[in-house]
PDB file of N, CA and C in Angstrom:
ATOM      1  N   UNK A   1     106.159  88.477  98.534  1.00  0.00           N
ATOM      2  CA  UNK A   1     106.566  89.225  99.704  1.00  0.00           C
ATOM      3  C   UNK A   1     107.416  90.410  99.221  1.00  0.00           C
ATOM      4  N   UNK A   2     107.079  91.595  99.656  1.00  0.00           N
ATOM      5  CA  UNK A   2     107.848  92.770  99.278  1.00  0.00           C
ATOM      6  C   UNK A   2     108.486  93.386 100.519  1.00  0.00           C
ATOM      7  N   UNK A   3     109.736  93.747 100.409  1.00  0.00           N
ATOM      8  CA  UNK A   3     110.427  94.418 101.501  1.00  0.00           C
ATOM      9  C   UNK A   3     111.511  95.309 100.902  1.00  0.00           C
ATOM     10  N   UNK A   4     112.015  96.287 101.640  1.00  0.00           N
ATOM     11  CA  UNK A   4     113.064  97.153 101.107  1.00  0.00           C
ATOM     12  C   UNK A   4     114.248  96.323 100.595  1.00  0.00           C
ATOM     13  N   UNK A   5     114.664  96.591  99.388  1.00  0.00           N
ATOM     14  CA  UNK A   5     115.756  95.830  98.795  1.00  0.00           C
ATOM     15  C   UNK A   5     115.282  94.684  97.923  1.00  0.00           C
ATOM     16  N   UNK A   6     113.982  94.412  97.933  1.00  0.00           N
ATOM     17  CA  UNK A   6     113.432  93.342  97.108  1.00  0.00           C
ATOM     18  C   UNK A   6     113.556  93.701  95.632  1.00  0.00           C
ATOM     19  N   UNK A   7     113.675  92.703  94.797  1.00  0.00           N
ATOM     20  CA  UNK A   7     113.777  92.925  93.355  1.00  0.00           C
ATOM     21  C   UNK A   7     112.429  92.717  92.667  1.00  0.00           C
ATOM     22  N   UNK A   8     111.346  92.796  93.409  1.00  0.00           N
ATOM     23  CA  UNK A   8     110.008  92.534  92.872  1.00  0.00           C
ATOM     24  C   UNK A   8     109.714  93.385  91.638  1.00  0.00           C
ATOM     25  N   UNK A   9     109.994  94.681  91.707  1.00  0.00           N
ATOM     26  CA  UNK A   9     109.683  95.575  90.590  1.00  0.00           C
ATOM     27  C   UNK A   9     110.679  95.431  89.438  1.00  0.00           C
ATOM     28  N   UNK A  10     111.863  94.931  89.713  1.00  0.00           N
ATOM     29  CA  UNK A  10     112.881  94.736  88.681  1.00  0.00           C
ATOM     30  C   UNK A  10     112.869  93.324  88.102  1.00  0.00           C
ATOM     31  N   UNK A  11     112.048  92.442  88.636  1.00  0.00           N
ATOM     32  CA  UNK A  11     112.089  91.029  88.265  1.00  0.00           C
ATOM     33  C   UNK A  11     111.936  90.806  86.766  1.00  0.00           C
ATOM     34  N   UNK A  12     110.957  91.417  86.116  1.00  0.00           N
ATOM     35  CA  UNK A  12     110.766  91.206  84.674  1.00  0.00           C
ATOM     36  C   UNK A  12     111.995  91.640  83.889  1.00  0.00           C
ATOM     37  N   UNK A  13     112.592  92.761  84.273  1.00  0.00           N
ATOM     38  CA  UNK A  13     113.779  93.261  83.584  1.00  0.00           C
ATOM     39  C   UNK A  13     114.955  92.313  83.795  1.00  0.00           C
ATOM     40  N   UNK A  14     115.135  91.858  85.025  1.00  0.00           N
ATOM     41  CA  UNK A  14     116.231  90.935  85.339  1.00  0.00           C
ATOM     42  C   UNK A  14     116.065  89.633  84.566  1.00  0.00           C
ATOM     43  N   UNK A  15     114.862  89.072  84.570  1.00  0.00           N
ATOM     44  CA  UNK A  15     114.591  87.810  83.883  1.00  0.00           C
ATOM     45  C   UNK A  15     114.820  87.949  82.380  1.00  0.00           C
ATOM     46  N   UNK A  16     114.494  89.106  81.815  1.00  0.00           N
ATOM     47  CA  UNK A  16     114.679  89.306  80.371  1.00  0.00           C
ATOM     48  C   UNK A  16     116.154  89.267  79.969  1.00  0.00           C
ATOM     49  N   UNK A  17     117.063  89.421  80.914  1.00  0.00           N
ATOM     50  CA  UNK A  17     118.495  89.389  80.628  1.00  0.00           C
ATOM     51  C   UNK A  17     119.134  88.019  80.882  1.00  0.00           C
ATOM     52  N   UNK A  18     118.356  87.037  81.293  1.00  0.00           N
ATOM     53  CA  UNK A  18     118.888  85.691  81.500  1.00  0.00           C
ATOM     54  C   UNK A  18     119.189  85.044  80.151  1.00  0.00           C
ATOM     55  N   UNK A  19     120.296  84.331  80.034  1.00  0.00           N
ATOM     56  CA  UNK A  19     120.550  83.569  78.811  1.00  0.00           C
ATOM     57  C   UNK A  19     119.658  82.322  78.802  1.00  0.00           C
ATOM     58  N   UNK A  20     119.510  81.679  77.639  1.00  0.00           N
ATOM     59  CA  UNK A  20     118.732  80.429  77.596  1.00  0.00           C
ATOM     60  C   UNK A  20     119.322  79.416  78.587  1.00  0.00           C
ATOM     61  N   UNK A  21     118.455  78.719  79.305  1.00  0.00           N
ATOM     62  CA  UNK A  21     118.920  77.765  80.311  1.00  0.00           C
ATOM     63  C   UNK A  21     117.837  76.728  80.582  1.00  0.00           C
ATOM     64  N   UNK A  22     118.231  75.635  81.256  1.00  0.00           N
ATOM     65  CA  UNK A  22     117.280  74.599  81.662  1.00  0.00           C
ATOM     66  C   UNK A  22     117.094  74.571  83.170  1.00  0.00           C
ATOM     67  N   UNK A  23     118.092  75.028  83.912  1.00  0.00           N
ATOM     68  CA  UNK A  23     118.050  74.997  85.375  1.00  0.00           C
ATOM     69  C   UNK A  23     118.330  76.400  85.899  1.00  0.00           C
ATOM     70  N   UNK A  24     117.561  76.817  86.905  1.00  0.00           N
ATOM     71  CA  UNK A  24     117.769  78.123  87.525  1.00  0.00           C
ATOM     72  C   UNK A  24     117.903  77.931  89.026  1.00  0.00           C
ATOM     73  N   UNK A  25     118.988  78.432  89.591  1.00  0.00           N
ATOM     74  CA  UNK A  25     119.220  78.360  91.032  1.00  0.00           C
ATOM     75  C   UNK A  25     119.410  79.782  91.536  1.00  0.00           C
ATOM     76  N   UNK A  26     118.551  80.212  92.435  1.00  0.00           N
ATOM     77  CA  UNK A  26     118.631  81.564  92.997  1.00  0.00           C
ATOM     78  C   UNK A  26     119.366  81.470  94.331  1.00  0.00           C
ATOM     79  N   UNK A  27     120.683  81.650  94.294  1.00  0.00           N
ATOM     80  CA  UNK A  27     121.487  81.478  95.507  1.00  0.00           C
ATOM     81  C   UNK A  27     121.270  82.589  96.527  1.00  0.00           C
ATOM     82  N   UNK A  28     120.802  83.754  96.069  1.00  0.00           N
ATOM     83  CA  UNK A  28     120.490  84.854  96.978  1.00  0.00           C
ATOM     84  C   UNK A  28     118.980  85.054  96.958  1.00  0.00           C
ATOM     85  N   UNK A  29     118.236  84.060  97.430  1.00  0.00           N
ATOM     86  CA  UNK A  29     116.782  84.043  97.338  1.00  0.00           C
ATOM     87  C   UNK A  29     116.063  85.222  97.948  1.00  0.00           C
ATOM     88  N   UNK A  30     116.442  85.631  99.143  1.00  0.00           N
ATOM     89  CA  UNK A  30     115.756  86.747  99.799  1.00  0.00           C
ATOM     90  C   UNK A  30     114.262  86.509  99.862  1.00  0.00           C
ATOM     91  N   UNK A  31     113.495  87.391  99.219  1.00  0.00           N
ATOM     92  CA  UNK A  31     112.037  87.261  99.217  1.00  0.00           C
ATOM     93  C   UNK A  31     111.559  86.283  98.155  1.00  0.00           C
ATOM     94  N   UNK A  32     112.460  85.844  97.282  1.00  0.00           N
ATOM     95  CA  UNK A  32     112.067  84.938  96.203  1.00  0.00           C
ATOM     96  C   UNK A  32     111.415  85.663  95.037  1.00  0.00           C
ATOM     97  N   UNK A  33     111.596  86.970  94.936  1.00  0.00           N
ATOM     98  CA  UNK A  33     110.930  87.775  93.910  1.00  0.00           C
ATOM     99  C   UNK A  33     111.227  87.279  92.500  1.00  0.00           C
ATOM    100  N   UNK A  34     112.459  86.899  92.234  1.00  0.00           N
ATOM    101  CA  UNK A  34     112.816  86.458  90.883  1.00  0.00           C
ATOM    102  C   UNK A  34     112.203  85.095  90.589  1.00  0.00           C
ATOM    103  N   UNK A  35     112.388  84.144  91.464  1.00  0.00           N
ATOM    104  CA  UNK A  35     111.879  82.793  91.211  1.00  0.00           C
ATOM    105  C   UNK A  35     110.349  82.768  91.150  1.00  0.00           C
ATOM    106  N   UNK A  36     109.690  83.612  91.914  1.00  0.00           N
ATOM    107  CA  UNK A  36     108.227  83.637  91.888  1.00  0.00           C
ATOM    108  C   UNK A  36     107.670  84.282  90.625  1.00  0.00           C
ATOM    109  N   UNK A  37     108.416  85.156  89.989  1.00  0.00           N
ATOM    110  CA  UNK A  37     107.936  85.842  88.787  1.00  0.00           C
ATOM    111  C   UNK A  37     108.483  85.229  87.512  1.00  0.00           C
ATOM    112  N   UNK A  38     109.338  84.231  87.646  1.00  0.00           N
ATOM    113  CA  UNK A  38     109.924  83.577  86.478  1.00  0.00           C
ATOM    114  C   UNK A  38     108.900  82.623  85.870  1.00  0.00           C
ATOM    115  N   UNK A  39     108.737  82.684  84.517  1.00  0.00           N
ATOM    116  CA  UNK A  39     107.757  81.769  83.885  1.00  0.00           C
ATOM    117  C   UNK A  39     108.193  80.324  83.955  1.00  0.00           C
TER     118      UNK A  39
END
Protein backbone atom coordinates (compact mmCIF):
# COMPACT_ATOMS: atom_id res chain seq x y z
CA UNK A 1 0.00 0.00 0.00
CA UNK A 2 1.46 3.37 -0.97
CA UNK A 3 0.30 6.70 0.39
CA UNK A 4 1.86 10.13 1.00
CA UNK A 5 4.39 9.76 3.80
CA UNK A 6 4.92 6.05 3.16
CA UNK A 7 8.48 4.75 3.41
CA UNK A 8 7.99 2.33 0.49
CA UNK A 9 10.73 3.90 -1.65
CA UNK A 10 13.10 4.30 1.32
CA UNK A 11 12.51 0.80 2.72
CA UNK A 12 15.66 -0.84 1.27
CA UNK A 13 17.83 2.02 2.52
CA UNK A 14 16.22 1.97 5.97
CA UNK A 15 16.56 -1.82 6.27
CA UNK A 16 20.23 -1.65 5.25
CA UNK A 17 20.88 0.47 8.37
CA UNK A 18 19.35 -2.02 10.83
CA UNK A 19 21.83 -3.68 13.20
CA UNK A 20 21.89 -7.50 13.38
CA UNK A 21 18.78 -8.70 15.22
CA UNK A 22 16.44 -11.66 15.75
CA UNK A 23 13.18 -9.81 16.42
CA UNK A 24 11.74 -6.80 14.59
CA UNK A 25 8.80 -4.79 15.91
CA UNK A 26 7.49 -1.93 13.76
CA UNK A 27 5.74 0.25 16.35
CA UNK A 28 4.84 2.88 13.74
CA UNK A 29 3.48 0.42 11.16
CA UNK A 30 1.49 2.81 8.97
CA UNK A 31 1.29 1.11 5.58
CA UNK A 32 3.66 -1.65 6.69
CA UNK A 33 6.19 -0.67 3.99
CA UNK A 34 9.21 -1.68 6.07
CA UNK A 35 7.90 -4.99 7.38
CA UNK A 36 6.60 -6.00 3.94
CA UNK A 37 9.95 -5.34 2.24
CA UNK A 38 12.11 -6.82 4.99
CA UNK A 39 13.69 -10.18 4.03
